[in-house]
Amino acid sequence: MKTRMQMKKKLVISVILITVLASFIVGCSKDTTNNEDKTTMEGIVAKIKDNQILVVEGVTNEEIKVLAEEDMIKKAQSAAYFELKQEVKNLKIGNKVKVWIESLDTSNPAYGISSKVEILN
């Protein structure tokens, strides 16, 4: 009787241990999904200074021309300054762009580093 109880106890402990170990392995594995939407932002270039750009969403080209930078950031649905890791030829204020985000903080406006910028228009 006692050995049967010990065997059940060992079996339950083994199942729990295997479940915990499997959960740990699955939880710590790398996400291999290649989802570009997670790491990109589309918007309009509102400012260019040296190797940094300000990209805004929800602001028109006309508003970019007349609004002060601070007012534009307040009006925008989202705004982020990006440091460019590589030069983007023919980039101008008013261009619609897609920015690949390498890192981005959560300030308002956000500050980040872009690995790539593509001019969409």
PDB file of N, CA and C in Angstrom:
ATOM      1  N   MET A   1       0.817  -1.186   0.000  1.00  0.00           N
ATOM      2  CA  MET A   1       0.000   0.000   0.000  1.00  0.00           C
ATOM      3  C   MET A   1       0.863   1.253   0.000  1.00  0.00           C
ATOM      4  N   LYS A   2       1.882   1.207   0.851  1.00  0.00           N
ATOM      5  CA  LYS A   2       2.748   2.373   0.982  1.00  0.00           C
ATOM      6  C   LYS A   2       3.535   2.624  -0.303  1.00  0.00           C
ATOM      7  N   THR A   3       3.993   1.610  -0.952  1.00  0.00           N
ATOM      8  CA  THR A   3       4.759   1.788  -2.186  1.00  0.00           C
ATOM      9  C   THR A   3       3.879   2.307  -3.314  1.00  0.00           C
ATOM     10  N   ARG A   4       2.621   1.902  -3.310  1.00  0.00           N
ATOM     11  CA  ARG A   4       1.709   2.392  -4.334  1.00  0.00           C
ATOM     12  C   ARG A   4       1.475   3.897  -4.148  1.00  0.00           C
ATOM     13  N   MET A   5       1.342   4.338  -2.913  1.00  0.00           N
ATOM     14  CA  MET A   5       1.149   5.750  -2.599  1.00  0.00           C
ATOM     15  C   MET A   5       2.399   6.541  -2.976  1.00  0.00           C
ATOM     16  N   GLN A   6       3.559   5.976  -2.711  1.00  0.00           N
ATOM     17  CA  GLN A   6       4.819   6.646  -3.066  1.00  0.00           C
ATOM     18  C   GLN A   6       4.963   6.760  -4.583  1.00  0.00           C
ATOM     19  N   MET A   7       4.540   5.745  -5.300  1.00  0.00           N
ATOM     20  CA  MET A   7       4.631   5.783  -6.760  1.00  0.00           C
ATOM     21  C   MET A   7       3.703   6.857  -7.330  1.00  0.00           C
ATOM     22  N   LYS A   8       2.494   6.972  -6.779  1.00  0.00           N
ATOM     23  CA  LYS A   8       1.568   8.006  -7.237  1.00  0.00           C
ATOM     24  C   LYS A   8       2.139   9.392  -6.954  1.00  0.00           C
ATOM     25  N   LYS A   9       2.729   9.530  -5.788  1.00  0.00           N
ATOM     26  CA  LYS A   9       3.321  10.816  -5.402  1.00  0.00           C
ATOM     27  C   LYS A   9       4.462  11.182  -6.350  1.00  0.00           C
ATOM     28  N   LYS A  10       5.318  10.217  -6.660  1.00  0.00           N
ATOM     29  CA  LYS A  10       6.426  10.457  -7.588  1.00  0.00           C
ATOM     30  C   LYS A  10       5.905  10.801  -8.985  1.00  0.00           C
ATOM     31  N   LEU A  11       4.843  10.129  -9.400  1.00  0.00           N
ATOM     32  CA  LEU A  11       4.261  10.386 -10.711  1.00  0.00           C
ATOM     33  C   LEU A  11       3.686  11.805 -10.782  1.00  0.00           C
ATOM     34  N   VAL A  12       2.967  12.214  -9.748  1.00  0.00           N
ATOM     35  CA  VAL A  12       2.393  13.562  -9.716  1.00  0.00           C
ATOM     36  C   VAL A  12       3.503  14.606  -9.726  1.00  0.00           C
ATOM     37  N   ILE A  13       4.536  14.411  -8.942  1.00  0.00           N
ATOM     38  CA  ILE A  13       5.666  15.346  -8.895  1.00  0.00           C
ATOM     39  C   ILE A  13       6.359  15.402 -10.253  1.00  0.00           C
ATOM     40  N   SER A  14       6.533  14.264 -10.900  1.00  0.00           N
ATOM     41  CA  SER A  14       7.172  14.226 -12.220  1.00  0.00           C
ATOM     42  C   SER A  14       6.344  14.980 -13.258  1.00  0.00           C
ATOM     43  N   VAL A  15       5.032  14.782 -13.250  1.00  0.00           N
ATOM     44  CA  VAL A  15       4.155  15.472 -14.201  1.00  0.00           C
ATOM     45  C   VAL A  15       4.214  16.981 -13.969  1.00  0.00           C
ATOM     46  N   ILE A  16       4.159  17.403 -12.715  1.00  0.00           N
ATOM     47  CA  ILE A  16       4.248  18.835 -12.395  1.00  0.00           C
ATOM     48  C   ILE A  16       5.586  19.397 -12.846  1.00  0.00           C
ATOM     49  N   LEU A  17       6.658  18.690 -12.574  1.00  0.00           N
ATOM     50  CA  LEU A  17       7.999  19.146 -12.957  1.00  0.00           C
ATOM     51  C   LEU A  17       8.134  19.259 -14.475  1.00  0.00           C
ATOM     52  N   ILE A  18       7.640  18.286 -15.198  1.00  0.00           N
ATOM     53  CA  ILE A  18       7.707  18.319 -16.662  1.00  0.00           C
ATOM     54  C   ILE A  18       6.864  19.472 -17.206  1.00  0.00           C
ATOM     55  N   THR A  19       5.681  19.693 -16.636  1.00  0.00           N
ATOM     56  CA  THR A  19       4.818  20.799 -17.071  1.00  0.00           C
ATOM     57  C   THR A  19       5.490  22.144 -16.839  1.00  0.00           C
ATOM     58  N   VAL A  20       6.072  22.326 -15.665  1.00  0.00           N
ATOM     59  CA  VAL A  20       6.766  23.583 -15.355  1.00  0.00           C
ATOM     60  C   VAL A  20       7.952  23.772 -16.288  1.00  0.00           C
ATOM     61  N   LEU A  21       8.725  22.740 -16.516  1.00  0.00           N
ATOM     62  CA  LEU A  21       9.894  22.824 -17.395  1.00  0.00           C
ATOM     63  C   LEU A  21       9.474  23.138 -18.833  1.00  0.00           C
ATOM     64  N   ALA A  22       8.425  22.492 -19.316  1.00  0.00           N
ATOM     65  CA  ALA A  22       7.945  22.763 -20.680  1.00  0.00           C
ATOM     66  C   ALA A  22       7.429  24.192 -20.796  1.00  0.00           C
ATOM     67  N   SER A  23       6.717  24.669 -19.786  1.00  0.00           N
ATOM     68  CA  SER A  23       6.230  26.059 -19.799  1.00  0.00           C
ATOM     69  C   SER A  23       7.387  27.040 -19.823  1.00  0.00           C
ATOM     70  N   PHE A  24       8.419  26.750 -19.071  1.00  0.00           N
ATOM     71  CA  PHE A  24       9.596  27.621 -19.035  1.00  0.00           C
ATOM     72  C   PHE A  24      10.278  27.662 -20.401  1.00  0.00           C
ATOM     73  N   ILE A  25      10.434  26.522 -21.025  1.00  0.00           N
ATOM     74  CA  ILE A  25      11.098  26.461 -22.333  1.00  0.00           C
ATOM     75  C   ILE A  25      10.273  27.201 -23.385  1.00  0.00           C
ATOM     76  N   VAL A  26       8.974  26.994 -23.410  1.00  0.00           N
ATOM     77  CA  VAL A  26       8.109  27.669 -24.378  1.00  0.00           C
ATOM     78  C   VAL A  26       8.073  29.171 -24.107  1.00  0.00           C
ATOM     79  N   GLY A  27       7.995  29.564 -22.866  1.00  0.00           N
ATOM     80  CA  GLY A  27       7.926  30.978 -22.505  1.00  0.00           C
ATOM     81  C   GLY A  27       9.191  31.739 -22.807  1.00  0.00           C
ATOM     82  N   CYS A  28      10.323  31.079 -22.770  1.00  0.00           N
ATOM     83  CA  CYS A  28      11.606  31.750 -22.998  1.00  0.00           C
ATOM     84  C   CYS A  28      12.114  31.615 -24.422  1.00  0.00           C
ATOM     85  N   SER A  29      11.374  30.932 -25.277  1.00  0.00           N
ATOM     86  CA  SER A  29      11.839  30.779 -26.650  1.00  0.00           C
ATOM     87  C   SER A  29      11.657  32.075 -27.415  1.00  0.00           C
ATOM     88  N   LYS A  30      12.474  32.266 -28.443  1.00  0.00           N
ATOM     89  CA  LYS A  30      12.399  33.466 -29.278  1.00  0.00           C
ATOM     90  C   LYS A  30      11.184  33.401 -30.173  1.00  0.00           C
ATOM     91  N   ASP A  31      10.556  34.558 -30.370  1.00  0.00           N
ATOM     92  CA  ASP A  31       9.437  34.645 -31.302  1.00  0.00           C
ATOM     93  C   ASP A  31      10.021  34.748 -32.705  1.00  0.00           C
ATOM     94  N   THR A  32       9.749  33.765 -33.529  1.00  0.00           N
ATOM     95  CA  THR A  32      10.344  33.750 -34.864  1.00  0.00           C
ATOM     96  C   THR A  32       9.404  34.301 -35.927  1.00  0.00           C
ATOM     97  N   THR A  33       8.270  34.839 -35.508  1.00  0.00           N
ATOM     98  CA  THR A  33       7.344  35.430 -36.468  1.00  0.00           C
ATOM     99  C   THR A  33       7.955  36.688 -37.049  1.00  0.00           C
ATOM    100  N   ASN A  34       7.944  36.811 -38.364  1.00  0.00           N
ATOM    101  CA  ASN A  34       8.492  37.998 -39.016  1.00  0.00           C
ATOM    102  C   ASN A  34       7.344  38.958 -39.304  1.00  0.00           C
ATOM    103  N   ASN A  35       6.993  39.769 -38.296  1.00  0.00           N
ATOM    104  CA  ASN A  35       5.870  40.692 -38.441  1.00  0.00           C
ATOM    105  C   ASN A  35       6.412  42.107 -38.527  1.00  0.00           C
ATOM    106  N   GLU A  36       6.492  42.643 -39.743  1.00  0.00           N
ATOM    107  CA  GLU A  36       7.067  43.971 -39.953  1.00  0.00           C
ATOM    108  C   GLU A  36       6.238  45.065 -39.310  1.00  0.00           C
ATOM    109  N   ASP A  37       4.933  44.850 -39.156  1.00  0.00           N
ATOM    110  CA  ASP A  37       4.070  45.888 -38.601  1.00  0.00           C
ATOM    111  C   ASP A  37       4.455  46.256 -37.177  1.00  0.00           C
ATOM    112  N   LYS A  38       5.043  45.330 -36.453  1.00  0.00           N
ATOM    113  CA  LYS A  38       5.440  45.601 -35.081  1.00  0.00           C
ATOM    114  C   LYS A  38       6.597  46.584 -35.019  1.00  0.00           C
ATOM    115  N   THR A  39       7.407  46.636 -36.037  1.00  0.00           N
ATOM    116  CA  THR A  39       8.643  47.405 -35.948  1.00  0.00           C
ATOM    117  C   THR A  39       8.713  48.531 -36.968  1.00  0.00           C
ATOM    118  N   THR A  40       7.579  48.976 -37.456  1.00  0.00           N
ATOM    119  CA  THR A  40       7.597  50.071 -38.425  1.00  0.00           C
ATOM    120  C   THR A  40       6.603  51.157 -38.030  1.00  0.00           C
ATOM    121  N   MET A  41       6.815  52.323 -38.609  1.00  0.00           N
ATOM    122  CA  MET A  41       5.890  53.442 -38.441  1.00  0.00           C
ATOM    123  C   MET A  41       5.790  54.143 -39.779  1.00  0.00           C
ATOM    124  N   GLU A  42       4.579  54.496 -40.168  1.00  0.00           N
ATOM    125  CA  GLU A  42       4.382  55.292 -41.377  1.00  0.00           C
ATOM    126  C   GLU A  42       3.886  56.664 -40.972  1.00  0.00           C
ATOM    127  N   GLY A  43       4.419  57.678 -41.625  1.00  0.00           N
ATOM    128  CA  GLY A  43       4.001  59.038 -41.331  1.00  0.00           C
ATOM    129  C   GLY A  43       4.644  60.008 -42.294  1.00  0.00           C
ATOM    130  N   ILE A  44       4.538  61.289 -41.960  1.00  0.00           N
ATOM    131  CA  ILE A  44       5.080  62.350 -42.805  1.00  0.00           C
ATOM    132  C   ILE A  44       6.281  62.970 -42.106  1.00  0.00           C
ATOM    133  N   VAL A  45       7.336  63.218 -42.875  1.00  0.00           N
ATOM    134  CA  VAL A  45       8.522  63.875 -42.330  1.00  0.00           C
ATOM    135  C   VAL A  45       8.171  65.337 -42.073  1.00  0.00           C
ATOM    136  N   ALA A  46       8.272  65.748 -40.808  1.00  0.00           N
ATOM    137  CA  ALA A  46       7.915  67.115 -40.434  1.00  0.00           C
ATOM    138  C   ALA A  46       9.143  67.979 -40.175  1.00  0.00           C
ATOM    139  N   LYS A  47      10.283  67.346 -39.916  1.00  0.00           N
ATOM    140  CA  LYS A  47      11.504  68.100 -39.630  1.00  0.00           C
ATOM    141  C   LYS A  47      12.703  67.219 -39.953  1.00  0.00           C
ATOM    142  N   ILE A  48      13.743  67.849 -40.490  1.00  0.00           N
ATOM    143  CA  ILE A  48      15.005  67.162 -40.759  1.00  0.00           C
ATOM    144  C   ILE A  48      16.113  68.024 -40.180  1.00  0.00           C
ATOM    145  N   LYS A  49      16.950  67.422 -39.344  1.00  0.00           N
ATOM    146  CA  LYS A  49      18.101  68.142 -38.802  1.00  0.00           C
ATOM    147  C   LYS A  49      19.253  67.153 -38.669  1.00  0.00           C
ATOM    148  N   ASP A  50      20.315  67.414 -39.421  1.00  0.00           N
ATOM    149  CA  ASP A  50      21.478  66.523 -39.452  1.00  0.00           C
ATOM    150  C   ASP A  50      21.019  65.098 -39.757  1.00  0.00           C
ATOM    151  N   ASN A  51      21.275  64.161 -38.850  1.00  0.00           N
ATOM    152  CA  ASN A  51      20.891  62.769 -39.111  1.00  0.00           C
ATOM    153  C   ASN A  51      19.653  62.382 -38.287  1.00  0.00           C
ATOM    154  N   GLN A  52      18.780  63.365 -38.027  1.00  0.00           N
ATOM    155  CA  GLN A  52      17.572  63.112 -37.246  1.00  0.00           C
ATOM    156  C   GLN A  52      16.347  63.653 -37.987  1.00  0.00           C
ATOM    157  N   ILE A  53      15.254  62.881 -37.928  1.00  0.00           N
ATOM    158  CA  ILE A  53      14.001  63.328 -38.539  1.00  0.00           C
ATOM    159  C   ILE A  53      12.870  63.236 -37.512  1.00  0.00           C
ATOM    160  N   LEU A  54      11.868  64.074 -37.717  1.00  0.00           N
ATOM    161  CA  LEU A  54      10.631  63.999 -36.940  1.00  0.00           C
ATOM    162  C   LEU A  54       9.561  63.459 -37.873  1.00  0.00           C
ATOM    163  N   VAL A  55       8.946  62.347 -37.483  1.00  0.00           N
ATOM    164  CA  VAL A  55       7.888  61.723 -38.276  1.00  0.00           C
ATOM    165  C   VAL A  55       6.585  61.832 -37.488  1.00  0.00           C
ATOM    166  N   VAL A  56       5.534  62.328 -38.155  1.00  0.00           N
ATOM    167  CA  VAL A  56       4.237  62.505 -37.496  1.00  0.00           C
ATOM    168  C   VAL A  56       3.146  61.774 -38.263  1.00  0.00           C
ATOM    169  N   GLU A  57       2.130  61.336 -37.543  1.00  0.00           N
ATOM    170  CA  GLU A  57       0.938  60.728 -38.139  1.00  0.00           C
ATOM    171  C   GLU A  57      -0.256  61.589 -37.762  1.00  0.00           C
ATOM    172  N   GLY A  58      -1.181  61.759 -38.676  1.00  0.00           N
ATOM    173  CA  GLY A  58      -2.398  62.496 -38.382  1.00  0.00           C
ATOM    174  C   GLY A  58      -2.275  63.996 -38.582  1.00  0.00           C
ATOM    175  N   VAL A  59      -1.254  64.424 -39.300  1.00  0.00           N
ATOM    176  CA  VAL A  59      -1.055  65.842 -39.620  1.00  0.00           C
ATOM    177  C   VAL A  59      -0.875  65.932 -41.136  1.00  0.00           C
ATOM    178  N   THR A  60      -1.488  66.914 -41.757  1.00  0.00           N
ATOM    179  CA  THR A  60      -1.387  67.066 -43.210  1.00  0.00           C
ATOM    180  C   THR A  60      -0.131  67.846 -43.592  1.00  0.00           C
ATOM    181  N   ASN A  61       0.237  67.769 -44.866  1.00  0.00           N
ATOM    182  CA  ASN A  61       1.376  68.548 -45.371  1.00  0.00           C
ATOM    183  C   ASN A  61       1.153  70.043 -45.170  1.00  0.00           C
ATOM    184  N   GLU A  62      -0.080  70.498 -45.365  1.00  0.00           N
ATOM    185  CA  GLU A  62      -0.390  71.920 -45.185  1.00  0.00           C
ATOM    186  C   GLU A  62      -0.154  72.345 -43.739  1.00  0.00           C
ATOM    187  N   GLU A  63      -0.570  71.498 -42.801  1.00  0.00           N
ATOM    188  CA  GLU A  63      -0.375  71.803 -41.378  1.00  0.00           C
ATOM    189  C   GLU A  63       1.103  71.808 -41.005  1.00  0.00           C
ATOM    190  N   ILE A  64       1.872  70.926 -41.626  1.00  0.00           N
ATOM    191  CA  ILE A  64       3.315  70.891 -41.366  1.00  0.00           C
ATOM    192  C   ILE A  64       3.957  72.211 -41.763  1.00  0.00           C
ATOM    193  N   LYS A  65       3.473  72.795 -42.853  1.00  0.00           N
ATOM    194  CA  LYS A  65       4.048  74.059 -43.342  1.00  0.00           C
ATOM    195  C   LYS A  65       3.741  75.238 -42.427  1.00  0.00           C
ATOM    196  N   VAL A  66       2.584  75.231 -41.757  1.00  0.00           N
ATOM    197  CA  VAL A  66       2.171  76.419 -40.997  1.00  0.00           C
ATOM    198  C   VAL A  66       2.276  76.276 -39.478  1.00  0.00           C
ATOM    199  N   LEU A  67       2.233  75.058 -38.957  1.00  0.00           N
ATOM    200  CA  LEU A  67       2.261  74.877 -37.508  1.00  0.00           C
ATOM    201  C   LEU A  67       3.678  74.904 -36.953  1.00  0.00           C
ATOM    202  N   ALA A  68       3.818  75.447 -35.749  1.00  0.00           N
ATOM    203  CA  ALA A  68       5.090  75.364 -35.034  1.00  0.00           C
ATOM    204  C   ALA A  68       5.303  73.901 -34.633  1.00  0.00           C
ATOM    205  N   GLU A  69       6.552  73.522 -34.437  1.00  0.00           N
ATOM    206  CA  GLU A  69       6.885  72.127 -34.132  1.00  0.00           C
ATOM    207  C   GLU A  69       6.099  71.614 -32.917  1.00  0.00           C
ATOM    208  N   GLU A  70       6.039  72.393 -31.867  1.00  0.00           N
ATOM    209  CA  GLU A  70       5.335  71.985 -30.648  1.00  0.00           C
ATOM    210  C   GLU A  70       3.837  71.775 -30.906  1.00  0.00           C
ATOM    211  N   ASP A  71       3.225  72.667 -31.673  1.00  0.00           N
ATOM    212  CA  ASP A  71       1.798  72.545 -31.999  1.00  0.00           C
ATOM    213  C   ASP A  71       1.533  71.334 -32.889  1.00  0.00           C
ATOM    214  N   MET A  72       2.457  71.072 -33.795  1.00  0.00           N
ATOM    215  CA  MET A  72       2.327  69.928 -34.693  1.00  0.00           C
ATOM    216  C   MET A  72       2.363  68.625 -33.883  1.00  0.00           C
ATOM    217  N   ILE A  73       3.278  68.551 -32.915  1.00  0.00           N
ATOM    218  CA  ILE A  73       3.396  67.352 -32.084  1.00  0.00           C
ATOM    219  C   ILE A  73       2.119  67.154 -31.264  1.00  0.00           C
ATOM    220  N   LYS A  74       1.559  68.234 -30.743  1.00  0.00           N
ATOM    221  CA  LYS A  74       0.308  68.135 -29.972  1.00  0.00           C
ATOM    222  C   LYS A  74      -0.845  67.651 -30.843  1.00  0.00           C
ATOM    223  N   LYS A  75      -0.900  68.119 -32.089  1.00  0.00           N
ATOM    224  CA  LYS A  75      -1.993  67.765 -33.000  1.00  0.00           C
ATOM    225  C   LYS A  75      -1.852  66.339 -33.540  1.00  0.00           C
ATOM    226  N   ALA A  76      -0.635  65.852 -33.645  1.00  0.00           N
ATOM    227  CA  ALA A  76      -0.380  64.543 -34.257  1.00  0.00           C
ATOM    228  C   ALA A  76      -0.960  63.401 -33.419  1.00  0.00           C
ATOM    229  N   GLN A  77      -1.416  62.357 -34.119  1.00  0.00           N
ATOM    230  CA  GLN A  77      -1.856  61.134 -33.436  1.00  0.00           C
ATOM    231  C   GLN A  77      -0.658  60.470 -32.774  1.00  0.00           C
ATOM    232  N   SER A  78       0.464  60.503 -33.465  1.00  0.00           N
ATOM    233  CA  SER A  78       1.727  60.029 -32.901  1.00  0.00           C
ATOM    234  C   SER A  78       2.859  60.796 -33.565  1.00  0.00           C
ATOM    235  N   ALA A  79       3.938  60.955 -32.809  1.00  0.00           N
ATOM    236  CA  ALA A  79       5.103  61.680 -33.316  1.00  0.00           C
ATOM    237  C   ALA A  79       6.351  61.054 -32.720  1.00  0.00           C
ATOM    238  N   ALA A  80       7.402  60.963 -33.532  1.00  0.00           N
ATOM    239  CA  ALA A  80       8.649  60.380 -33.047  1.00  0.00           C
ATOM    240  C   ALA A  80       9.834  60.982 -33.787  1.00  0.00           C
ATOM    241  N   TYR A  81      10.882  61.266 -33.028  1.00  0.00           N
ATOM    242  CA  TYR A  81      12.161  61.664 -33.605  1.00  0.00           C
ATOM    243  C   TYR A  81      12.965  60.393 -33.816  1.00  0.00           C
ATOM    244  N   PHE A  82      13.578  60.275 -34.987  1.00  0.00           N
ATOM    245  CA  PHE A  82      14.403  59.113 -35.281  1.00  0.00           C
ATOM    246  C   PHE A  82      15.802  59.541 -35.675  1.00  0.00           C
ATOM    247  N   GLU A  83      16.781  58.892 -35.084  1.00  0.00           N
ATOM    248  CA  GLU A  83      18.165  59.040 -35.532  1.00  0.00           C
ATOM    249  C   GLU A  83      18.338  58.073 -36.695  1.00  0.00           C
ATOM    250  N   LEU A  84      18.877  58.591 -37.798  1.00  0.00           N
ATOM    251  CA  LEU A  84      19.056  57.764 -38.993  1.00  0.00           C
ATOM    252  C   LEU A  84      20.413  57.081 -38.943  1.00  0.00           C
ATOM    253  N   LYS A  85      20.424  55.765 -39.087  1.00  0.00           N
ATOM    254  CA  LYS A  85      21.688  55.031 -39.107  1.00  0.00           C
ATOM    255  C   LYS A  85      22.360  55.109 -40.471  1.00  0.00           C
ATOM    256  N   GLN A  86      21.576  55.424 -41.497  1.00  0.00           N
ATOM    257  CA  GLN A  86      22.137  55.562 -42.836  1.00  0.00           C
ATOM    258  C   GLN A  86      21.464  56.736 -43.536  1.00  0.00           C
ATOM    259  N   GLU A  87      22.180  57.346 -44.439  1.00  0.00           N
ATOM    260  CA  GLU A  87      21.659  58.501 -45.169  1.00  0.00           C
ATOM    261  C   GLU A  87      20.522  58.069 -46.090  1.00  0.00           C
ATOM    262  N   VAL A  88      19.501  58.908 -46.165  1.00  0.00           N
ATOM    263  CA  VAL A  88      18.373  58.649 -47.059  1.00  0.00           C
ATOM    264  C   VAL A  88      18.397  59.713 -48.144  1.00  0.00           C
ATOM    265  N   LYS A  89      18.663  59.290 -49.375  1.00  0.00           N
ATOM    266  CA  LYS A  89      18.755  60.239 -50.489  1.00  0.00           C
ATOM    267  C   LYS A  89      17.375  60.797 -50.827  1.00  0.00           C
ATOM    268  N   ASN A  90      17.356  62.078 -51.177  1.00  0.00           N
ATOM    269  CA  ASN A  90      16.141  62.777 -51.619  1.00  0.00           C
ATOM    270  C   ASN A  90      15.052  62.886 -50.550  1.00  0.00           C
ATOM    271  N   LEU A  91      15.399  62.740 -49.283  1.00  0.00           N
ATOM    272  CA  LEU A  91      14.423  62.870 -48.211  1.00  0.00           C
ATOM    273  C   LEU A  91      14.123  64.344 -47.973  1.00  0.00           C
ATOM    274  N   LYS A  92      12.821  64.691 -47.977  1.00  0.00           N
ATOM    275  CA  LYS A  92      12.409  66.086 -47.809  1.00  0.00           C
ATOM    276  C   LYS A  92      11.261  66.169 -46.816  1.00  0.00           C
ATOM    277  N   ILE A  93      11.106  67.353 -46.227  1.00  0.00           N
ATOM    278  CA  ILE A  93       9.954  67.605 -45.370  1.00  0.00           C
ATOM    279  C   ILE A  93       8.699  67.454 -46.225  1.00  0.00           C
ATOM    280  N   GLY A  94       7.718  66.747 -45.703  1.00  0.00           N
ATOM    281  CA  GLY A  94       6.477  66.496 -46.438  1.00  0.00           C
ATOM    282  C   GLY A  94       6.421  65.119 -47.075  1.00  0.00           C
ATOM    283  N   ASN A  95       7.576  64.415 -47.171  1.00  0.00           N
ATOM    284  CA  ASN A  95       7.569  63.058 -47.718  1.00  0.00           C
ATOM    285  C   ASN A  95       6.826  62.109 -46.780  1.00  0.00           C
ATOM    286  N   LYS A  96       6.017  61.230 -47.368  1.00  0.00           N
ATOM    287  CA  LYS A  96       5.428  60.137 -46.597  1.00  0.00           C
ATOM    288  C   LYS A  96       6.483  59.036 -46.553  1.00  0.00           C
ATOM    289  N   VAL A  97       6.758  58.523 -45.348  1.00  0.00           N
ATOM    290  CA  VAL A  97       7.826  57.539 -45.188  1.00  0.00           C
ATOM    291  C   VAL A  97       7.367  56.353 -44.347  1.00  0.00           C
ATOM    292  N   LYS A  98       8.092  55.262 -44.518  1.00  0.00           N
ATOM    293  CA  LYS A  98       7.962  54.095 -43.654  1.00  0.00           C
ATOM    294  C   LYS A  98       9.297  53.958 -42.937  1.00  0.00           C
ATOM    295  N   VAL A  99       9.247  53.925 -41.613  1.00  0.00           N
ATOM    296  CA  VAL A  99      10.465  53.873 -40.803  1.00  0.00           C
ATOM    297  C   VAL A  99      10.525  52.521 -40.102  1.00  0.00           C
ATOM    298  N   TRP A 100      11.643  51.812 -40.254  1.00  0.00           N
ATOM    299  CA  TRP A 100      11.879  50.576 -39.530  1.00  0.00           C
ATOM    300  C   TRP A 100      12.528  50.958 -38.204  1.00  0.00           C
ATOM    301  N   ILE A 101      11.898  50.598 -37.118  1.00  0.00           N
ATOM    302  CA  ILE A 101      12.321  51.034 -35.792  1.00  0.00           C
ATOM    303  C   ILE A 101      13.236  49.993 -35.161  1.00  0.00           C
ATOM    304  N   GLU A 102      14.435  50.449 -34.797  1.00  0.00           N
ATOM    305  CA  GLU A 102      15.378  49.582 -34.098  1.00  0.00           C
ATOM    306  C   GLU A 102      15.149  49.669 -32.594  1.00  0.00           C
ATOM    307  N   SER A 103      14.955  50.891 -32.103  1.00  0.00           N
ATOM    308  CA  SER A 103      14.624  51.097 -30.693  1.00  0.00           C
ATOM    309  C   SER A 103      13.787  52.361 -30.587  1.00  0.00           C
ATOM    310  N   LEU A 104      12.938  52.409 -29.561  1.00  0.00           N
ATOM    311  CA  LEU A 104      12.041  53.553 -29.399  1.00  0.00           C
ATOM    312  C   LEU A 104      11.637  53.661 -27.940  1.00  0.00           C
ATOM    313  N   ASP A 105      11.784  54.864 -27.365  1.00  0.00           N
ATOM    314  CA  ASP A 105      11.324  55.052 -25.992  1.00  0.00           C
ATOM    315  C   ASP A 105       9.849  55.445 -25.994  1.00  0.00           C
ATOM    316  N   THR A 106       9.295  55.649 -24.826  1.00  0.00           N
ATOM    317  CA  THR A 106       7.859  55.908 -24.738  1.00  0.00           C
ATOM    318  C   THR A 106       7.528  57.345 -24.360  1.00  0.00           C
ATOM    319  N   SER A 107       8.468  58.256 -24.552  1.00  0.00           N
ATOM    320  CA  SER A 107       8.186  59.657 -24.238  1.00  0.00           C
ATOM    321  C   SER A 107       7.241  60.238 -25.290  1.00  0.00           C
ATOM    322  N   ASN A 108       6.802  61.470 -25.070  1.00  0.00           N
ATOM    323  CA  ASN A 108       5.950  62.124 -26.063  1.00  0.00           C
ATOM    324  C   ASN A 108       6.541  63.476 -26.405  1.00  0.00           C
ATOM    325  N   PRO A 109       7.111  63.668 -27.575  1.00  0.00           N
ATOM    326  CA  PRO A 109       7.220  62.689 -28.652  1.00  0.00           C
ATOM    327  C   PRO A 109       8.270  61.633 -28.320  1.00  0.00           C
ATOM    328  N   ALA A 110       8.145  60.502 -28.971  1.00  0.00           N
ATOM    329  CA  ALA A 110       9.086  59.406 -28.755  1.00  0.00           C
ATOM    330  C   ALA A 110      10.423  59.714 -29.426  1.00  0.00           C
ATOM    331  N   TYR A 111      11.478  59.102 -28.923  1.00  0.00           N
ATOM    332  CA  TYR A 111      12.808  59.204 -29.522  1.00  0.00           C
ATOM    333  C   TYR A 111      13.295  57.795 -29.802  1.00  0.00           C
ATOM    334  N   GLY A 112      13.839  57.592 -31.010  1.00  0.00           N
ATOM    335  CA  GLY A 112      14.295  56.263 -31.353  1.00  0.00           C
ATOM    336  C   GLY A 112      15.373  56.258 -32.413  1.00  0.00           C
ATOM    337  N   ILE A 113      15.757  55.057 -32.787  1.00  0.00           N
ATOM    338  CA  ILE A 113      16.769  54.841 -33.826  1.00  0.00           C
ATOM    339  C   ILE A 113      16.108  54.038 -34.938  1.00  0.00           C
ATOM    340  N   SER A 114      16.297  54.496 -36.166  1.00  0.00           N
ATOM    341  CA  SER A 114      15.732  53.767 -37.304  1.00  0.00           C
ATOM    342  C   SER A 114      16.834  53.001 -38.014  1.00  0.00           C
ATOM    343  N   SER A 115      16.514  51.780 -38.411  1.00  0.00           N
ATOM    344  CA  SER A 115      17.482  50.985 -39.164  1.00  0.00           C
ATOM    345  C   SER A 115      17.326  51.214 -40.661  1.00  0.00           C
ATOM    346  N   LYS A 116      16.135  51.703 -41.073  1.00  0.00           N
ATOM    347  CA  LYS A 116      15.875  51.919 -42.497  1.00  0.00           C
ATOM    348  C   LYS A 116      14.716  52.903 -42.637  1.00  0.00           C
ATOM    349  N   VAL A 117      14.779  53.749 -43.667  1.00  0.00           N
ATOM    350  CA  VAL A 117      13.680  54.658 -43.992  1.00  0.00           C
ATOM    351  C   VAL A 117      13.397  54.528 -45.483  1.00  0.00           C
ATOM    352  N   GLU A 118      12.134  54.303 -45.822  1.00  0.00           N
ATOM    353  CA  GLU A 118      11.726  54.191 -47.224  1.00  0.00           C
ATOM    354  C   GLU A 118      10.762  55.331 -47.539  1.00  0.00           C
ATOM    355  N   ILE A 119      11.051  56.077 -48.604  1.00  0.00           N
ATOM    356  CA  ILE A 119      10.161  57.148 -49.045  1.00  0.00           C
ATOM    357  C   ILE A 119       9.018  56.509 -49.825  1.00  0.00           C
ATOM    358  N   LEU A 120       7.782  56.778 -49.408  1.00  0.00           N
ATOM    359  CA  LEU A 120       6.610  56.172 -50.043  1.00  0.00           C
ATOM    360  C   LEU A 120       6.017  57.034 -51.148  1.00  0.00           C
ATOM    361  N   ASN A 121       6.315  58.351 -51.153  1.00  0.00           N
ATOM    362  CA  ASN A 121       5.802  59.210 -52.236  1.00  0.00           C
ATOM    363  C   ASN A 121       6.870  60.143 -52.727  1.00  0.00           C
TER     364      ASN A 121
END
